[in-house]
Protein backbone atom coordinates (compact mmCIF):
# COMPACT_ATOMS: atom_id res chain seq x y z
CA UNK A 1 65.33 82.35 68.47
CA UNK A 2 64.85 85.20 71.01
CA UNK A 3 68.46 87.03 71.66
CA UNK A 4 68.56 87.81 75.32
CA UNK A 5 69.30 91.24 76.62
CA UNK A 6 73.21 91.98 76.95
CA UNK A 7 74.01 88.44 74.98
CA UNK A 8 74.84 87.75 71.92
CA UNK A 9 73.64 84.57 70.14
CA UNK A 10 77.17 82.99 70.95
CA UNK A 11 75.86 82.86 74.85
CA UNK A 12 78.74 85.08 75.81
CA UNK A 13 78.39 89.33 76.74
CA UNK A 14 78.72 91.72 75.30
CA UNK A 15 81.68 94.31 75.61
CA UNK A 16 80.15 97.13 73.56
CA UNK A 17 80.34 100.27 75.66
CA UNK A 18 81.79 99.05 78.74
CA UNK A 19 84.95 99.84 79.79
CA UNK A 20 88.24 97.98 80.66
CA UNK A 21 88.48 97.69 84.13
CA UNK A 22 91.32 99.26 85.51
CA UNK A 23 92.56 97.95 88.83
CA UNK A 24 92.85 100.25 91.59
CA UNK A 25 93.78 99.81 95.13
CA UNK A 26 93.94 102.32 97.75
CA UNK A 27 96.04 102.39 101.35
CA UNK A 28 93.57 105.18 102.97
CA UNK A 29 94.96 107.61 105.41
CA UNK A 30 93.61 105.75 108.58
CA UNK A 31 94.92 102.49 107.49
CA UNK A 32 98.57 100.88 108.44
CA UNK A 33 99.85 97.83 106.53
CA UNK A 34 102.56 95.85 108.08
CA UNK A 35 103.12 92.99 105.58
CA UNK A 36 103.77 92.49 102.65
CA UNK A 37 101.23 93.55 99.32
CA UNK A 38 101.45 92.46 95.85
CA UNK A 39 99.43 94.34 93.37
CA UNK A 40 98.03 95.01 89.64
CA UNK A 41 97.37 98.34 88.57
CA UNK A 42 97.29 101.41 89.98
CA UNK A 43 98.21 101.21 94.34
CA UNK A 44 97.90 104.70 95.73
CA UNK A 45 99.19 104.55 99.30
CA UNK A 46 97.82 107.62 101.62
CA UNK A 47 98.14 105.69 105.14
CA UNK A 48 101.44 103.58 106.35
CA UNK A 49 103.22 100.72 105.08
CA UNK A 50 105.79 98.62 106.23
CA UNK A 51 106.86 95.79 104.55
CA UNK A 52 107.28 95.08 100.70
CA UNK A 53 105.73 95.62 97.78
CA UNK A 54 105.32 94.26 94.34
CA UNK A 55 103.19 95.88 91.43
CA UNK A 56 103.07 98.19 88.74
CA UNK A 57 102.13 101.41 89.47
CA UNK A 58 102.62 102.63 92.64
CA UNK A 59 101.88 106.43 93.89
CA UNK A 60 102.84 107.79 97.98
CA UNK A 61 100.24 110.33 98.69
CA UNK A 62 101.73 113.53 100.36
CA UNK A 63 99.96 111.81 103.88
CA UNK A 64 101.31 108.87 102.73
CA UNK A 65 104.34 106.93 104.65
CA UNK A 66 106.37 103.45 102.91
CA UNK A 67 109.33 101.30 104.55
CA UNK A 68 109.63 99.31 101.93
CA UNK A 69 111.49 96.79 99.69
CA UNK A 70 109.87 97.79 96.53
CA UNK A 71 110.06 95.91 93.01
CA UNK A 72 107.25 98.22 90.62
CA UNK A 73 106.97 99.77 87.22
CA UNK A 74 106.33 102.76 88.28
CA UNK A 75 106.42 104.40 91.09
CA UNK A 76 105.77 108.43 92.47
CA UNK A 77 106.75 109.46 95.42
CA UNK A 78 104.61 112.38 97.29
CA UNK A 79 104.65 111.60 100.69
CA UNK A 80 108.00 109.73 102.22
CA UNK A 81 109.43 106.63 101.23
CA UNK A 82 112.73 104.77 102.99
CA UNK A 83 113.75 101.87 101.67
CA UNK A 84 114.86 99.82 98.55
CA UNK A 85 113.22 100.65 95.30
CA UNK A 86 113.25 98.79 92.01
CA UNK A 87 111.69 100.38 88.89
CA UNK A 88 111.74 99.22 85.59
CA UNK A 89 110.52 101.93 84.01
CA UNK A 90 110.81 105.37 86.20
CA UNK A 91 110.89 107.22 90.13
CA UNK A 92 109.29 110.54 90.48
CA UNK A 93 109.37 112.11 93.38
CA UNK A 94 107.38 115.11 93.32
CA UNK A 95 107.83 118.14 95.83
CA UNK A 96 106.10 116.99 98.56
CA UNK A 97 108.29 113.69 98.02
CA UNK A 98 110.96 111.88 100.15
CA UNK A 99 112.85 109.30 99.36
CA UNK A 100 115.85 107.76 101.33
CA UNK A 101 117.45 104.03 101.44
CA UNK A 102 118.70 102.41 97.57
CA UNK A 103 117.06 103.26 94.13
CA UNK A 104 117.08 101.22 90.91
CA UNK A 105 115.70 102.49 88.19
CA UNK A 106 115.30 103.61 84.66
CA UNK A 107 114.14 107.02 84.38
CA UNK A 108 114.44 109.08 87.99
CA UNK A 109 112.54 112.58 87.95
CA UNK A 110 112.78 114.42 91.08
CA UNK A 111 110.96 118.08 91.33
CA UNK A 112 112.13 121.17 92.65
CA UNK A 113 112.03 120.74 96.50
CA UNK A 114 111.94 117.10 96.56
CA UNK A 115 114.06 115.33 98.82
CA UNK A 116 116.64 112.24 97.29
CA UNK A 117 118.83 110.65 99.81
CA UNK A 118 119.86 107.29 98.40
CA UNK A 119 122.29 105.23 96.55
CA UNK A 120 121.18 105.63 92.96
CA UNK A 121 121.58 103.36 89.90
CA UNK A 122 119.90 104.52 86.35
CA UNK A 123 119.92 101.62 84.02
CA UNK A 124 118.73 100.65 80.03
CA UNK A 125 115.57 98.38 79.85
CA UNK A 126 118.01 95.68 78.92
CA UNK A 127 120.28 95.85 81.70
CA UNK A 128 116.97 96.29 84.30
CA UNK A 129 115.76 93.25 83.37
CA UNK A 130 118.96 91.15 82.72
CA UNK A 131 120.11 91.94 86.17
CA UNK A 132 116.51 91.07 87.51
CA UNK A 133 117.45 87.52 85.68
CA UNK A 134 120.48 86.90 87.60
CA UNK A 135 120.45 88.98 91.09
CA UNK A 136 124.20 89.28 91.94
CA UNK A 137 124.15 90.44 96.18
CA UNK A 138 127.87 90.37 96.51
CA UNK A 139 127.69 93.44 93.59
CA UNK A 140 124.26 95.41 93.95
CA UNK A 141 125.46 98.40 92.02
CA UNK A 142 127.04 96.84 88.85
CA UNK A 143 129.82 99.67 87.13
CA UNK A 144 127.75 99.60 84.23
CA UNK A 145 125.24 101.15 85.25
CA UNK A 146 124.92 104.94 86.07
CA UNK A 147 125.65 105.42 89.38
CA UNK A 148 124.22 109.57 90.68
CA UNK A 149 125.51 110.00 94.68
CA UNK A 150 123.87 112.89 96.10
């Protein structure tokens, strides 16, 4: 029996020597989007986005501008963000970044020079999952979360 190139005897392709695919999406500097985005993996925004974002890791580059309601695992802001962020893991605002609106996250990091002008509620991971399961519109920032007003 002759073995086909790249296949095992069972007919499945061999994954030896191949890296697992990292999903990477880029909204380039010349691109302007009005609408919703659902993304897996890493989304890098260098252009302009107005609309909802649902994803894993979102990076707003220094030249990026976002007006959004975002539900992500992690967000890094090097450009401008205005709206509402729900980050189940972390929100990082770089020295070139600016964030205004409302923030709900587990961990918050603001580099020296970064601008945060938002209602902020930092919660534990357990409280993030409980709150995402039951959304209480009458009390968007429960008293058991830590509220930081800057």
